[in-house]
Amino acid sequence: MEVKVQFFHVALLILFFGSLLSRTNGRTSSSLSVVGIAQPCSIHKRCARGLCCLKQGQRKTCHSLSRHRQPCSSRIMEGYYYERHCPCQTGTCRGNICT
């Protein structure tokens, strides 16, 4: 019985210290989430791979990266979203067109 109690106390300590270690800048690592296409995005809700956070009007939503010969943007705003067009999936954005 005593071994079970000690094991329980050790498990509680591991959970407690583990939760302290997972905190960064006052937020837990779970405060960042990944969202899919057409979903609202923000500094805390990042778009999934292959998507970008695009601001159109007042809304910011996830859109597919631009493809060859499509309009593009390479200027990121506030570190997480683009205006008007997403960057290129492959190649480079020249004259606002993916090459």
C-alpha atoms as a PDB file:
ATOM      1  CA  MET A   1       0.000   0.000   0.000  1.00  0.00           C
ATOM      2  CA  GLU A   2       2.825   2.384   0.879  1.00  0.00           C
ATOM      3  CA  VAL A   3       4.443   1.854  -2.548  1.00  0.00           C
ATOM      4  CA  LYS A   4       1.183   2.821  -4.299  1.00  0.00           C
ATOM      5  CA  VAL A   5       0.941   6.023  -2.255  1.00  0.00           C
ATOM      6  CA  GLN A   6       4.558   6.949  -3.047  1.00  0.00           C
ATOM      7  CA  PHE A   7       3.983   6.235  -6.745  1.00  0.00           C
ATOM      8  CA  PHE A   8       0.886   8.451  -6.676  1.00  0.00           C
ATOM      9  CA  HIS A   9       2.850  11.313  -5.096  1.00  0.00           C
ATOM     10  CA  VAL A  10       5.651  10.975  -7.663  1.00  0.00           C
ATOM     11  CA  ALA A  11       3.102  10.985 -10.498  1.00  0.00           C
ATOM     12  CA  LEU A  12       1.505  14.158  -9.130  1.00  0.00           C
ATOM     13  CA  LEU A  13       4.899  15.861  -8.874  1.00  0.00           C
ATOM     14  CA  ILE A  14       5.752  14.917 -12.467  1.00  0.00           C
ATOM     15  CA  LEU A  15       2.436  16.329 -13.708  1.00  0.00           C
ATOM     16  CA  PHE A  16       2.882  19.521 -11.701  1.00  0.00           C
ATOM     17  CA  PHE A  17       6.459  20.221 -12.819  1.00  0.00           C
ATOM     18  CA  GLY A  18       5.676  19.162 -16.379  1.00  0.00           C
ATOM     19  CA  SER A  19       2.927  21.766 -16.578  1.00  0.00           C
ATOM     20  CA  LEU A  20       5.333  24.425 -15.295  1.00  0.00           C
ATOM     21  CA  LEU A  21       7.939  23.511 -17.915  1.00  0.00           C
ATOM     22  CA  SER A  22       5.415  23.668 -20.765  1.00  0.00           C
ATOM     23  CA  ARG A  23       4.629  27.333 -20.049  1.00  0.00           C
ATOM     24  CA  THR A  24       6.255  29.964 -22.264  1.00  0.00           C
ATOM     25  CA  ASN A  25       5.706  33.686 -21.800  1.00  0.00           C
ATOM     26  CA  GLY A  26       2.787  33.028 -19.480  1.00  0.00           C
ATOM     27  CA  ARG A  27       0.958  30.873 -22.027  1.00  0.00           C
ATOM     28  CA  THR A  28       0.947  27.118 -22.392  1.00  0.00           C
ATOM     29  CA  SER A  29       2.151  25.571 -25.637  1.00  0.00           C
ATOM     30  CA  SER A  30      -1.443  24.483 -26.292  1.00  0.00           C
ATOM     31  CA  SER A  31      -2.464  28.156 -26.680  1.00  0.00           C
ATOM     32  CA  LEU A  32      -1.265  27.993 -30.312  1.00  0.00           C
ATOM     33  CA  SER A  33      -3.510  26.035 -32.643  1.00  0.00           C
ATOM     34  CA  VAL A  34      -3.407  25.143 -36.331  1.00  0.00           C
ATOM     35  CA  VAL A  35      -6.473  25.800 -38.486  1.00  0.00           C
ATOM     36  CA  GLY A  36      -7.500  24.730 -41.999  1.00  0.00           C
ATOM     37  CA  ILE A  37      -8.659  26.375 -45.190  1.00  0.00           C
ATOM     38  CA  ALA A  38     -11.338  29.103 -44.874  1.00  0.00           C
ATOM     39  CA  GLN A  39     -10.974  29.064 -41.071  1.00  0.00           C
ATOM     40  CA  PRO A  40     -10.319  32.306 -39.166  1.00  0.00           C
ATOM     41  CA  CYS A  41      -6.618  32.828 -38.390  1.00  0.00           C
ATOM     42  CA  SER A  42      -4.771  35.023 -35.907  1.00  0.00           C
ATOM     43  CA  ILE A  43      -1.497  35.288 -34.034  1.00  0.00           C
ATOM     44  CA  HIS A  44      -2.727  32.339 -31.893  1.00  0.00           C
ATOM     45  CA  LYS A  45      -4.447  30.369 -34.684  1.00  0.00           C
ATOM     46  CA  ARG A  46      -1.882  29.595 -37.367  1.00  0.00           C
ATOM     47  CA  CYS A  47      -2.787  28.226 -40.800  1.00  0.00           C
ATOM     48  CA  ALA A  48      -1.844  24.649 -41.644  1.00  0.00           C
ATOM     49  CA  ARG A  49       1.078  23.880 -43.963  1.00  0.00           C
ATOM     50  CA  GLY A  50       0.375  24.931 -47.554  1.00  0.00           C
ATOM     51  CA  LEU A  51      -1.914  27.765 -46.429  1.00  0.00           C
ATOM     52  CA  CYS A  52      -1.414  31.403 -45.509  1.00  0.00           C
ATOM     53  CA  CYS A  53      -3.364  33.807 -43.334  1.00  0.00           C
ATOM     54  CA  LEU A  54      -4.901  36.331 -45.706  1.00  0.00           C
ATOM     55  CA  LYS A  55      -6.614  39.580 -44.729  1.00  0.00           C
ATOM     56  CA  GLN A  56      -9.547  40.496 -46.943  1.00  0.00           C
ATOM     57  CA  GLY A  57     -11.500  43.436 -45.588  1.00  0.00           C
ATOM     58  CA  GLN A  58     -11.672  43.076 -41.812  1.00  0.00           C
ATOM     59  CA  ARG A  59     -11.464  39.255 -41.781  1.00  0.00           C
ATOM     60  CA  LYS A  60      -8.366  37.080 -41.737  1.00  0.00           C
ATOM     61  CA  THR A  61      -8.819  33.519 -43.021  1.00  0.00           C
ATOM     62  CA  CYS A  62      -6.594  30.686 -44.270  1.00  0.00           C
ATOM     63  CA  HIS A  63      -6.154  30.344 -48.042  1.00  0.00           C
ATOM     64  CA  SER A  64      -4.052  28.126 -50.308  1.00  0.00           C
ATOM     65  CA  LEU A  65      -0.608  29.385 -51.249  1.00  0.00           C
ATOM     66  CA  SER A  66      -0.455  30.953 -54.729  1.00  0.00           C
ATOM     67  CA  ARG A  67       0.625  28.741 -57.638  1.00  0.00           C
ATOM     68  CA  HIS A  68       2.574  29.344 -60.834  1.00  0.00           C
ATOM     69  CA  ARG A  69       1.244  32.388 -62.764  1.00  0.00           C
ATOM     70  CA  GLN A  70      -1.208  33.340 -59.999  1.00  0.00           C
ATOM     71  CA  PRO A  71      -1.150  36.711 -58.189  1.00  0.00           C
ATOM     72  CA  CYS A  72       1.063  36.665 -55.094  1.00  0.00           C
ATOM     73  CA  SER A  73       2.424  38.731 -52.256  1.00  0.00           C
ATOM     74  CA  SER A  74       5.742  38.457 -50.473  1.00  0.00           C
ATOM     75  CA  ARG A  75       5.090  41.136 -47.847  1.00  0.00           C
ATOM     76  CA  ILE A  76       4.051  39.686 -44.506  1.00  0.00           C
ATOM     77  CA  MET A  77       2.170  41.953 -42.102  1.00  0.00           C
ATOM     78  CA  GLU A  78       2.703  41.896 -38.329  1.00  0.00           C
ATOM     79  CA  GLY A  79       4.537  38.592 -38.683  1.00  0.00           C
ATOM     80  CA  TYR A  80       1.633  36.333 -39.564  1.00  0.00           C
ATOM     81  CA  TYR A  81      -0.750  37.538 -42.304  1.00  0.00           C
ATOM     82  CA  TYR A  82      -0.700  38.792 -45.894  1.00  0.00           C
ATOM     83  CA  GLU A  83      -2.891  41.351 -47.654  1.00  0.00           C
ATOM     84  CA  ARG A  84      -4.628  40.625 -50.974  1.00  0.00           C
ATOM     85  CA  HIS A  85      -2.635  37.500 -51.983  1.00  0.00           C
ATOM     86  CA  CYS A  86      -0.722  34.618 -50.420  1.00  0.00           C
ATOM     87  CA  PRO A  87       2.961  34.028 -51.170  1.00  0.00           C
ATOM     88  CA  CYS A  88       4.005  31.479 -53.799  1.00  0.00           C
ATOM     89  CA  GLN A  89       3.859  27.769 -53.034  1.00  0.00           C
ATOM     90  CA  THR A  90       6.998  27.262 -55.140  1.00  0.00           C
ATOM     91  CA  GLY A  91       9.194  29.642 -57.094  1.00  0.00           C
ATOM     92  CA  THR A  92       9.316  33.360 -56.418  1.00  0.00           C
ATOM     93  CA  CYS A  93       6.916  36.289 -56.432  1.00  0.00           C
ATOM     94  CA  ARG A  94       8.025  38.737 -59.159  1.00  0.00           C
ATOM     95  CA  GLY A  95       5.859  41.690 -60.051  1.00  0.00           C
ATOM     96  CA  ASN A  96       3.132  40.162 -57.840  1.00  0.00           C
ATOM     97  CA  ILE A  97       2.964  37.003 -60.013  1.00  0.00           C
ATOM     98  CA  CYS A  98       4.355  33.567 -59.074  1.00  0.00           C
ATOM     99  CA  THR A  99       7.136  32.523 -61.439  1.00  0.00           C
END
